[in-house]
Protein backbone atom coordinates (compact mmCIF):
# COMPACT_ATOMS: atom_id res chain seq x y z
CA MET A 1 94.69 93.12 87.57
CA VAL A 2 95.61 91.75 90.89
CA ILE A 3 92.04 90.91 91.54
CA VAL A 4 91.75 88.61 88.46
CA LEU A 5 95.14 86.85 89.32
CA ARG A 6 94.04 86.33 92.99
CA ALA A 7 90.74 85.07 92.07
CA LEU A 8 92.33 82.47 89.77
CA GLY A 9 94.56 81.34 92.52
CA ILE A 10 97.95 82.17 91.39
CA LEU A 11 99.17 85.09 93.48
CA SER A 12 100.74 85.30 96.82
CA SER A 13 101.37 88.79 98.44
CA ASN A 14 104.66 88.04 100.26
CA ARG A 15 106.49 85.21 98.33
CA ARG A 16 107.36 84.27 94.90
CA VAL A 17 105.25 81.61 92.90
CA GLU A 18 106.47 80.00 89.66
CA TYR A 19 104.19 77.76 87.38
CA GLN A 20 106.03 75.55 84.96
CA HIS A 21 102.95 74.13 83.46
CA SER A 22 99.26 75.36 83.04
CA PRO A 23 97.00 75.01 86.27
CA PRO A 24 94.53 72.17 86.53
CA LEU A 25 91.68 72.66 84.01
CA PRO A 26 88.23 72.26 85.58
CA GLY A 27 86.63 69.03 85.23
CA ARG A 28 89.82 67.01 85.11
CA GLY A 29 90.52 66.57 88.79
CA ASP A 30 94.31 66.89 89.76
CA ARG A 31 95.68 65.62 86.60
CA THR A 32 98.11 67.73 84.92
CA PRO A 33 98.31 67.96 81.05
CA LYS A 34 101.01 65.84 79.47
CA SER A 35 103.97 67.59 77.65
CA HIS A 36 104.59 66.60 74.06
CA SER A 37 108.28 66.54 74.77
CA LEU A 38 110.56 66.03 77.95
CA ASP A 39 113.25 68.13 76.29
CA ARG A 40 111.25 71.15 75.60
CA LYS A 41 112.92 74.35 76.60
CA HIS A 42 110.91 76.31 79.10
CA VAL A 43 110.27 80.03 78.05
CA ALA A 44 111.28 82.63 80.47
CA PRO A 45 108.37 83.38 82.79
CA ILE A 46 106.69 87.01 83.08
CA VAL A 47 107.52 88.65 86.22
CA LEU A 48 104.90 91.00 87.56
CA THR A 49 106.40 93.70 89.90
CA LYS A 50 103.76 96.26 89.91
CA TRP A 51 103.10 95.89 93.66
CA ALA A 52 105.51 97.10 96.51
CA ASN A 53 105.32 93.91 98.60
CA SER A 54 104.59 91.15 96.00
CA THR A 55 106.60 89.76 93.16
CA ASN A 56 104.55 87.27 91.14
CA VAL A 57 105.53 84.92 88.12
CA LEU A 58 103.23 83.78 85.57
CA ASP A 59 103.83 81.07 83.10
CA THR A 60 103.79 82.15 79.38
CA ASN A 61 102.25 78.90 78.29
CA ASP A 62 99.00 79.63 80.29
CA LYS A 63 97.11 81.33 77.37
CA ARG A 64 93.78 81.36 79.21
CA LEU A 65 95.26 83.43 82.02
CA ILE A 66 97.03 85.67 79.66
CA LYS A 67 93.91 86.27 77.81
CA ASN A 68 92.07 87.14 80.88
CA ILE A 69 94.86 89.55 81.98
CA ARG A 70 94.73 91.40 78.37
CA ARG A 71 90.90 91.59 78.62
CA PHE A 72 91.37 93.26 82.14
CA ARG A 73 93.99 95.59 80.76
CA THR A 74 91.82 96.85 77.94
CA GLY A 75 88.83 97.62 80.35
CA SER A 76 86.61 94.84 79.07
CA GLY A 77 86.50 93.12 82.43
CA ARG A 78 84.17 94.39 85.18
CA PRO A 79 85.93 96.74 87.69
CA HIS A 80 86.10 95.41 91.35
CA PRO A 81 85.04 97.89 94.11
CA TYR A 82 88.09 96.82 96.25
CA ARG A 83 91.96 97.46 95.82
CA GLN A 84 94.82 95.81 97.22
CA THR A 85 96.12 97.47 100.43
CA GLN A 86 99.87 97.53 101.36
CA ASP A 87 99.61 94.44 103.54
CA GLY A 88 98.19 92.29 100.57
CA ALA A 89 94.73 92.42 101.91
CA LEU A 90 91.71 93.61 99.92
CA GLY A 91 90.07 96.76 101.11
CA PRO A 92 87.66 99.56 99.74
CA LYS A 93 89.27 102.49 97.85
CA VAL A 94 90.25 105.51 99.89
CA PRO A 95 89.45 108.83 98.02
CA GLY A 96 92.69 110.56 97.21
CA SER A 97 94.85 107.51 97.01
CA PRO A 98 96.95 106.61 94.06
CA ASP A 99 94.71 103.68 93.12
CA SER A 100 91.46 105.57 93.59
CA ASP A 101 89.65 106.64 90.36
CA SER A 102 90.60 110.20 89.30
CA SER A 103 87.19 110.45 87.57
CA ASP A 104 85.27 110.27 90.77
CA PRO A 105 82.12 112.57 90.39
CA SER A 106 82.78 113.85 93.94
CA SER A 107 86.02 115.34 92.75
CA PRO A 108 85.99 119.15 92.37
CA THR A 109 84.71 120.52 89.20
CA SER A 110 86.75 122.25 86.54
CA PRO A 111 87.41 125.91 87.16
CA SER A 112 85.26 128.66 85.80
CA GLU A 113 85.95 130.22 82.57
CA LYS A 114 85.81 133.87 84.15
CA CYS A 115 84.96 135.30 87.51
CA GLY A 116 85.20 138.62 89.38
CA ILE A 117 83.34 141.18 91.28
CA LEU A 118 80.97 143.44 89.09
CA ASN A 119 78.28 145.86 89.77
CA VAL A 120 74.99 144.42 88.41
CA THR A 121 71.34 145.53 88.15
CA LYS A 122 68.16 144.13 86.57
CA ILE A 123 66.09 146.79 84.30
CA THR A 124 63.71 144.04 82.95
CA GLU A 125 62.47 140.78 84.33
CA HIS A 126 60.41 138.45 82.09
CA GLY A 127 59.24 141.42 79.94
CA LYS A 128 58.33 143.68 83.00
CA LYS A 129 60.43 146.79 83.81
CA VAL A 130 61.88 146.86 87.37
CA ARG A 131 63.49 149.53 89.21
CA LYS A 132 67.26 149.71 89.14
CA ASN A 133 69.11 148.51 92.18
CA TRP A 134 72.94 148.30 91.66
CA THR A 135 74.71 145.88 93.91
CA SER A 136 78.14 144.48 94.06
CA SER A 137 78.28 140.85 93.28
CA TRP A 138 80.73 138.08 92.68
CA THR A 139 80.07 137.07 89.17
CA VAL A 140 81.07 133.71 87.52
CA LEU A 141 80.79 132.83 83.82
CA GLN A 142 80.53 129.01 83.55
CA GLY A 143 79.42 127.48 80.21
CA SER A 144 76.40 129.33 79.14
CA LEU A 145 75.49 130.48 82.49
CA LEU A 146 76.23 133.84 84.10
CA ILE A 147 76.05 133.42 87.91
CA PHE A 148 75.71 136.11 90.58
CA ALA A 149 76.54 135.76 94.21
CA LYS A 150 76.85 137.98 97.17
CA GLY A 151 80.35 137.10 98.07
CA GLN A 152 83.17 134.88 96.99
CA GLY A 153 84.15 133.55 100.36
CA GLY A 154 87.64 132.01 101.28
CA GLY A 155 87.64 128.62 99.51
CA THR A 156 89.09 127.57 96.17
CA SER A 157 85.50 126.90 94.56
CA TRP A 158 83.39 129.22 92.77
CA PHE A 159 81.68 130.92 95.66
CA GLY A 160 84.21 130.05 98.53
CA GLY A 161 84.36 127.15 101.04
CA SER A 162 81.10 128.19 102.60
CA GLN A 163 79.48 127.55 99.25
CA SER A 164 77.35 130.74 98.99
CA LYS A 165 73.95 130.26 97.31
CA PRO A 166 73.73 132.35 93.92
CA GLU A 167 71.30 135.25 94.14
CA PHE A 168 70.31 134.68 90.54
CA THR A 169 71.54 133.01 87.35
CA VAL A 170 71.15 134.15 83.63
CA ASP A 171 71.28 131.75 80.64
CA LEU A 172 73.08 133.21 77.81
CA ARG A 173 71.69 131.06 75.15
CA GLY A 174 69.84 133.05 72.56
CA GLY A 175 70.97 136.26 74.28
CA SER A 176 72.62 139.35 73.04
CA ILE A 177 75.13 142.00 74.61
CA GLU A 178 75.80 145.64 73.65
CA TRP A 179 77.23 148.73 75.38
CA ALA A 180 74.54 150.55 77.26
CA SER A 181 73.39 153.84 76.08
CA LYS A 182 73.27 156.85 78.35
CA ASP A 183 69.49 156.60 78.71
CA LYS A 184 69.84 153.22 80.45
CA SER A 185 72.53 154.31 82.78
CA SER A 186 74.67 157.42 83.51
CA LYS A 187 77.52 155.15 84.67
CA LYS A 188 80.60 154.59 82.66
CA HIS A 189 81.71 151.04 81.17
CA VAL A 190 78.20 149.53 81.30
CA ILE A 191 77.21 146.48 79.37
CA GLU A 192 73.59 145.57 78.57
CA VAL A 193 72.73 141.88 78.60
CA LYS A 194 69.51 140.65 77.11
CA THR A 195 68.18 137.11 77.37
CA HIS A 196 65.73 135.03 75.29
CA GLN A 197 63.45 135.00 78.45
CA SER A 198 63.08 138.80 78.17
CA THR A 199 65.31 139.57 81.00
CA GLU A 200 67.62 142.70 80.68
CA LEU A 201 70.43 143.45 83.17
CA LEU A 202 73.26 146.01 83.38
CA ILE A 203 76.82 144.94 84.26
CA GLN A 204 79.18 147.59 85.10
CA SER A 205 82.81 148.03 86.36
CA GLU A 206 84.96 151.15 87.09
CA ASN A 207 87.96 149.56 85.43
CA ASP A 208 88.00 149.90 81.81
CA GLY A 209 90.24 146.91 80.96
CA VAL A 210 88.22 144.61 83.34
CA ILE A 211 84.81 145.43 81.56
CA ASN A 212 86.32 145.12 78.07
CA ASP A 213 87.65 141.44 79.09
CA TRP A 214 84.08 140.65 80.27
CA TYR A 215 82.47 142.07 77.19
CA ARG A 216 84.79 139.80 75.03
CA ALA A 217 84.14 136.76 77.10
CA LEU A 218 80.31 137.34 77.01
CA MET A 219 80.33 137.82 73.35
CA ASP A 220 82.46 134.52 72.87
CA THR A 221 80.13 132.67 74.96
CA ILE A 222 76.93 133.74 73.16
CA SER A 223 78.79 132.94 69.77
CA THR A 224 79.90 129.52 71.13
CA HIS A 225 76.33 128.63 72.42
CA ALA A 226 74.35 130.16 69.48
CA TRP A 227 73.60 126.68 68.04
CA GLU A 228 71.68 126.00 71.26
CA SER A 229 69.67 129.18 71.16
CA ASP A 230 66.86 127.91 69.00
CA GLU A 231 66.34 124.92 71.21
CA ALA A 232 66.30 127.06 74.26
CA ILE A 233 63.86 129.52 72.98
CA GLU A 234 61.56 126.70 71.66
CA GLU A 235 61.41 125.03 75.04
CA ASP A 236 60.38 128.41 76.73
CA MET A 237 57.73 129.36 74.32
CA PRO A 238 54.42 127.77 75.48
CA GLU A 239 51.77 126.42 73.16
CA SER A 240 48.48 128.41 72.69
CA PRO A 241 45.40 127.12 74.50
CA GLY A 242 43.63 124.70 72.31
CA ALA A 243 46.20 123.87 69.93
CA GLU A 244 46.95 120.30 71.19
CA LYS A 245 43.22 119.46 70.70
CA GLN A 246 43.04 120.89 67.39
CA ASP A 247 46.11 119.03 66.35
CA GLN A 248 44.50 115.74 67.69
CA GLU A 249 41.47 116.41 65.66
CA LYS A 250 43.57 117.00 62.61
CA GLU A 251 45.46 113.90 63.03
CA HIS A 252 42.16 111.81 63.57
CA ARG A 253 40.71 113.29 60.23
CA ASP A 254 44.16 112.71 58.26
CA SER A 255 44.35 109.11 59.51
CA LYS A 256 40.96 108.32 58.09
CA LYS A 257 41.97 109.87 54.63
CA SER A 258 45.15 108.09 54.79
CA ARG A 259 43.73 104.56 55.22
CA ALA A 260 41.89 105.23 52.04
CA MET A 261 44.74 106.04 49.93
CA LYS A 262 46.90 103.58 48.06
CA SER A 263 49.78 101.88 49.80
CA SER A 264 52.27 103.40 47.35
CA THR A 265 51.62 106.94 48.40
CA SER A 266 50.99 106.18 52.09
CA MET A 267 54.72 107.01 53.18
CA ASP A 268 54.53 110.50 51.35
CA THR A 269 51.36 111.20 52.93
CA SER A 270 52.43 110.44 56.55
CA ASP A 271 55.60 112.66 56.06
CA ASN A 272 53.47 115.56 54.59
CA LYS A 273 51.07 115.02 57.61
CA LYS A 274 53.95 115.33 60.14
CA THR A 275 55.39 118.37 58.41
CA ARG A 276 52.03 120.20 58.58
CA ILE A 277 51.69 119.28 62.26
CA LYS A 278 54.95 120.62 63.13
CA LEU A 279 54.47 123.70 61.04
CA LYS A 280 51.16 124.33 62.64
CA LYS A 281 52.69 123.84 66.37
CA PHE A 282 55.44 126.41 65.32
CA LEU A 283 52.99 129.04 64.22
CA THR A 284 50.56 128.71 67.01
CA ARG A 285 53.20 129.12 69.78
CA ARG A 286 53.09 132.38 71.33
CA PRO A 287 56.24 134.45 71.42
CA THR A 288 57.38 136.41 74.51
CA LEU A 289 56.19 140.18 74.98
CA GLN A 290 59.80 141.37 74.62
CA THR A 291 60.46 139.33 71.34
CA VAL A 292 57.39 140.94 69.77
CA ARG A 293 58.27 144.52 70.96
CA ASP A 294 61.85 144.06 69.53
CA LYS A 295 60.41 143.20 66.27
CA GLY A 296 58.11 146.43 66.18
CA TYR A 297 54.89 144.44 66.28
CA ILE A 298 53.74 146.31 69.29
CA LYS A 299 54.61 149.90 70.58
CA ASP A 300 56.03 150.65 74.08
CA GLN A 301 53.38 151.62 76.68
CA VAL A 302 52.74 155.05 78.24
CA PHE A 303 53.44 154.03 81.81
CA GLY A 304 57.11 152.93 82.30
CA CYS A 305 58.24 154.52 79.02
CA SER A 306 61.21 156.65 78.58
CA LEU A 307 60.10 160.27 78.58
CA SER A 308 62.13 161.37 75.57
CA ASP A 309 60.90 158.06 73.65
CA LEU A 310 57.28 158.88 74.55
CA CYS A 311 57.52 162.48 73.30
CA GLN A 312 59.19 161.54 70.20
CA ARG A 313 56.38 158.99 69.63
CA GLU A 314 53.54 161.44 70.12
CA ASN A 315 55.52 164.21 68.45
CA THR A 316 55.33 166.57 71.42
CA SER A 317 57.58 167.93 74.07
CA VAL A 318 55.05 167.17 76.89
CA PRO A 319 53.34 163.73 77.22
CA SER A 320 49.64 163.87 76.27
CA PHE A 321 48.63 162.08 79.39
CA VAL A 322 50.23 164.60 81.61
CA THR A 323 48.41 167.65 80.02
CA MET A 324 45.21 165.63 79.93
CA CYS A 325 45.24 165.13 83.72
CA ILE A 326 46.41 168.60 84.58
CA ASP A 327 43.66 170.20 82.45
CA HIS A 328 41.13 167.97 83.99
CA VAL A 329 42.27 168.81 87.62
CA GLU A 330 42.43 172.56 86.84
CA ASN A 331 38.92 172.67 85.27
CA ASN A 332 37.23 170.65 88.03
CA ALA A 333 38.96 170.06 91.28
CA LEU A 334 41.47 172.90 92.37
CA ASN A 335 39.40 173.44 95.56
CA VAL A 336 39.17 169.81 96.65
CA ASP A 337 40.61 169.28 100.00
CA GLY A 338 43.89 167.15 100.16
CA LEU A 339 44.47 167.55 96.41
CA TYR A 340 47.43 165.20 95.52
CA ARG A 341 47.99 164.36 99.23
CA VAL A 342 44.94 161.95 99.44
CA SER A 343 45.37 158.67 97.88
CA GLY A 344 42.80 157.36 95.37
CA ASN A 345 41.36 153.88 94.90
CA LEU A 346 44.22 151.80 93.58
CA ALA A 347 42.01 149.28 91.68
CA VAL A 348 40.44 152.26 89.74
CA ILE A 349 43.85 153.75 89.19
CA GLN A 350 45.11 150.48 87.67
CA LYS A 351 42.19 150.33 85.33
CA LEU A 352 42.96 153.94 84.01
CA ARG A 353 46.60 152.88 83.74
CA PHE A 354 45.68 149.90 81.65
CA ALA A 355 43.29 151.99 79.37
CA VAL A 356 46.03 154.42 78.73
CA ASN A 357 48.61 151.85 77.96
CA HIS A 358 46.50 149.91 75.49
CA ASP A 359 45.55 153.22 73.28
CA GLU A 360 41.88 153.24 74.54
CA LYS A 361 40.33 156.47 74.14
CA VAL A 362 40.25 157.82 77.56
CA ASN A 363 37.50 160.61 78.58
CA LEU A 364 38.31 161.53 82.08
CA GLU A 365 34.74 163.13 82.14
CA GLU A 366 33.16 159.84 82.33
CA GLY A 367 31.52 158.55 85.55
CA LYS A 368 34.02 155.74 86.29
CA TRP A 369 36.65 158.34 86.63
CA GLU A 370 34.71 160.88 88.68
CA ASP A 371 36.89 160.70 91.76
CA ILE A 372 39.66 163.26 91.27
CA HIS A 373 41.88 161.45 93.51
CA VAL A 374 42.12 158.66 90.96
CA ILE A 375 43.24 161.15 88.37
CA THR A 376 45.87 162.71 90.68
CA GLY A 377 47.12 159.16 91.74
CA ALA A 378 47.50 158.01 87.95
CA LEU A 379 49.57 161.27 87.30
CA LYS A 380 51.80 160.60 90.32
CA MET A 381 52.16 156.99 89.22
CA PHE A 382 53.21 158.03 85.74
CA PHE A 383 56.05 160.14 87.06
CA ARG A 384 56.93 157.58 89.64
CA GLU A 385 57.24 154.64 86.90
CA LEU A 386 59.53 156.48 84.56
CA PRO A 387 62.66 154.57 83.85
CA GLU A 388 64.72 157.66 84.70
CA PRO A 389 63.05 160.22 86.91
CA LEU A 390 62.14 163.93 85.81
CA PHE A 391 65.23 165.03 87.51
CA THR A 392 67.66 162.67 85.64
CA TYR A 393 70.00 160.35 87.58
CA GLY A 394 73.24 162.17 86.09
CA LEU A 395 72.21 165.59 87.46
CA PHE A 396 71.02 164.21 90.99
CA HIS A 397 73.98 164.93 92.92
CA ASP A 398 74.47 168.47 91.21
CA PHE A 399 71.05 169.38 92.32
CA VAL A 400 71.80 168.26 95.85
CA ASN A 401 75.20 170.27 95.99
CA SER A 402 73.28 173.28 94.63
CA ILE A 403 70.72 173.35 97.32
CA LYS A 404 73.58 173.24 99.92
CA ILE A 405 74.87 176.56 98.89
CA PRO A 406 74.47 178.96 101.83
CA ASP A 407 73.67 182.21 99.87
CA TYR A 408 70.14 182.17 98.70
CA LYS A 409 70.59 183.97 95.26
CA GLN A 410 73.50 181.79 94.49
CA ARG A 411 71.40 178.74 95.28
CA VAL A 412 68.54 179.78 92.97
CA GLN A 413 71.03 180.52 90.13
CA ALA A 414 72.63 177.03 90.64
CA ILE A 415 69.40 175.35 90.69
CA LYS A 416 68.36 177.28 87.39
CA GLU A 417 71.61 176.26 85.70
CA ARG A 418 70.97 172.70 86.52
CA VAL A 419 67.34 172.69 85.09
CA LYS A 420 68.87 174.23 81.84
CA GLN A 421 71.06 171.14 81.62
CA LEU A 422 68.08 168.68 81.53
CA PRO A 423 66.96 167.28 78.24
CA LYS A 424 64.08 169.25 76.41
CA PRO A 425 61.34 166.97 77.12
CA ASN A 426 62.30 167.00 80.77
CA GLN A 427 62.46 170.83 80.88
CA ASP A 428 59.17 171.37 79.25
CA THR A 429 57.37 168.70 81.32
CA MET A 430 58.95 170.06 84.54
CA GLN A 431 57.71 173.61 83.44
CA VAL A 432 54.09 172.42 82.88
CA LEU A 433 53.91 170.47 85.99
CA PHE A 434 55.33 173.06 88.34
CA LYS A 435 53.19 175.77 86.69
CA HIS A 436 50.22 173.47 87.57
CA LEU A 437 51.30 172.97 91.12
CA ARG A 438 51.69 176.71 91.72
CA ARG A 439 48.07 177.00 90.89
CA VAL A 440 47.13 174.22 93.27
CA ILE A 441 49.02 176.20 96.00
CA ASP A 442 47.18 179.42 95.11
CA HIS A 443 44.05 177.58 96.22
CA GLY A 444 45.41 176.44 99.38
CA GLU A 445 42.86 178.03 101.53
CA GLU A 446 40.38 175.64 100.01
CA ASN A 447 42.44 172.57 99.37
CA ARG A 448 44.77 172.99 102.28
CA MET A 449 47.80 172.20 100.10
CA THR A 450 50.90 174.47 100.90
CA THR A 451 54.29 174.69 99.26
CA GLN A 452 55.77 172.44 101.68
CA SER A 453 52.90 169.92 101.48
CA VAL A 454 53.32 169.76 97.60
CA ALA A 455 57.08 169.40 98.07
CA ILE A 456 56.74 166.41 100.41
CA VAL A 457 54.45 164.56 98.05
CA PHE A 458 56.20 165.27 94.68
CA GLY A 459 59.92 165.40 96.04
CA PRO A 460 60.71 161.61 96.11
CA THR A 461 58.62 161.12 92.96
CA LEU A 462 60.51 163.63 90.75
CA LEU A 463 63.98 163.38 92.15
CA ARG A 464 65.91 160.11 93.45
CA PRO A 465 69.46 158.75 93.25
CA GLU A 466 70.08 155.84 90.87
CA THR A 467 71.44 153.68 93.65
CA GLU A 468 69.88 153.70 97.09
CA THR A 469 72.32 154.31 99.81
CA TRP A 470 72.37 154.39 103.76
CA ASN A 471 71.72 158.16 103.76
CA MET A 472 68.28 157.89 101.95
CA ALA A 473 66.71 159.90 104.85
CA VAL A 474 69.07 162.79 104.00
CA HIS A 475 68.43 162.63 100.27
CA MET A 476 64.63 162.85 101.03
CA VAL A 477 65.22 166.18 102.97
CA TYR A 478 67.18 167.63 99.93
CA GLN A 479 64.59 166.34 97.54
CA ASN A 480 61.80 168.21 99.31
CA GLN A 481 63.96 171.39 99.54
CA ILE A 482 64.72 171.18 95.84
CA VAL A 483 61.11 171.06 94.77
CA ASP A 484 60.10 173.58 97.38
CA LEU A 485 62.62 176.16 96.08
CA ILE A 486 61.62 175.65 92.45
CA LEU A 487 57.99 176.26 93.55
CA LEU A 488 58.82 179.35 95.36
CA GLU A 489 61.14 180.70 92.53
CA TYR A 490 59.15 179.33 89.54
CA GLU A 491 59.11 182.63 87.45
CA GLY A 492 62.89 183.17 87.99
CA ILE A 493 63.88 179.59 87.13
CA PHE A 494 61.69 179.10 83.97
CA ARG A 495 62.04 182.74 82.73
């Protein structure tokens, strides 16, 4: 307000000024307006004492000035980029000063809704399954976004004064959460989060109260932003190729028809045409793979599918692809040098994988699968891509502790007990596979595959920890020893 008064020439920063009549009006020179009465009593002036070093008096008769003051007070006047300093001079605003704008966009943002340290891992990204890798992340829930960073830092902002860059961000609009089942993770207190972009991740905390608070916060966030989910999903759904061209042709034909119709029905025809176009665009948009899979339109694939789900779908205890590969190797290639040790052509292996995943009738006797190393490579890839290995995550440390037992007989008995604790599909598949590997070893003079060679090849494939740690090399030694012992004591363990 001081800017308006100073601009109109009625303020002084260090002395008192009183006006007994209105200031000169523009266009009238120095003449002052005549008063209607000499005996007119003056109204008490308005004293403005808002500023520390200035006291300003304004005549109440000056209606034009009061109108400008009111207009400035209500915000209709244009704000000035300068303020009055303590010595009465005009200067720029200093951030953080009492007169500075509190709504400055550079001011700190509002605090996050919830934050803390959680264990997190992705299991699916954009519809493709990925290997679990648990990491401890500083997690922030802000609006509809769930943000993960390596560390909090030491500041008061989300990720500390150093502003750590988030590792990744998850949009919760259109997503869902639920408590993770045992086949997803053997850890306790695990939340499974699914997004509309076909990304699935697991969130875990050892503290029961902490994870329950996060579950409620995430559920409230998803419910709060549910009205945005349809728009978010619609933005991410691409149109199928050629749909735009077809729509243009349809609009061109409809425009010719509409010109021939009567003017009374032109409005209705235009509305119907727009409705048909919108409906056609909606129907031609392609949904994500995960959305189609969740609705049951397509089945899970063979590679990367859970062993229990695959056996249940095929109504067997051993996957048919495993038995098909084993039978082919035993009938044609037990004497091939470097069996299971030599790698096959990866491009041909991927072709075989694609054919099996798409329910194509695969005949391994065909010429395109004549390289036996392609068959053995595909079999190893099948076990390597299992969401949970043949020796389950939950029993990994039990198997490692059993192989450390000094007494040989007790060691064999402990391994046998651990095998019996595995699920039925895992036990039966393991028995069929190790029986086949024993036959491969029996032809060792021809294929040069010993027990140790087979254990080195299949140890990391069949047995691995859920979380990679610093002692990975030590675990690899135990993995090979466990497979080696089962091969040597096959009859006693599976009897």
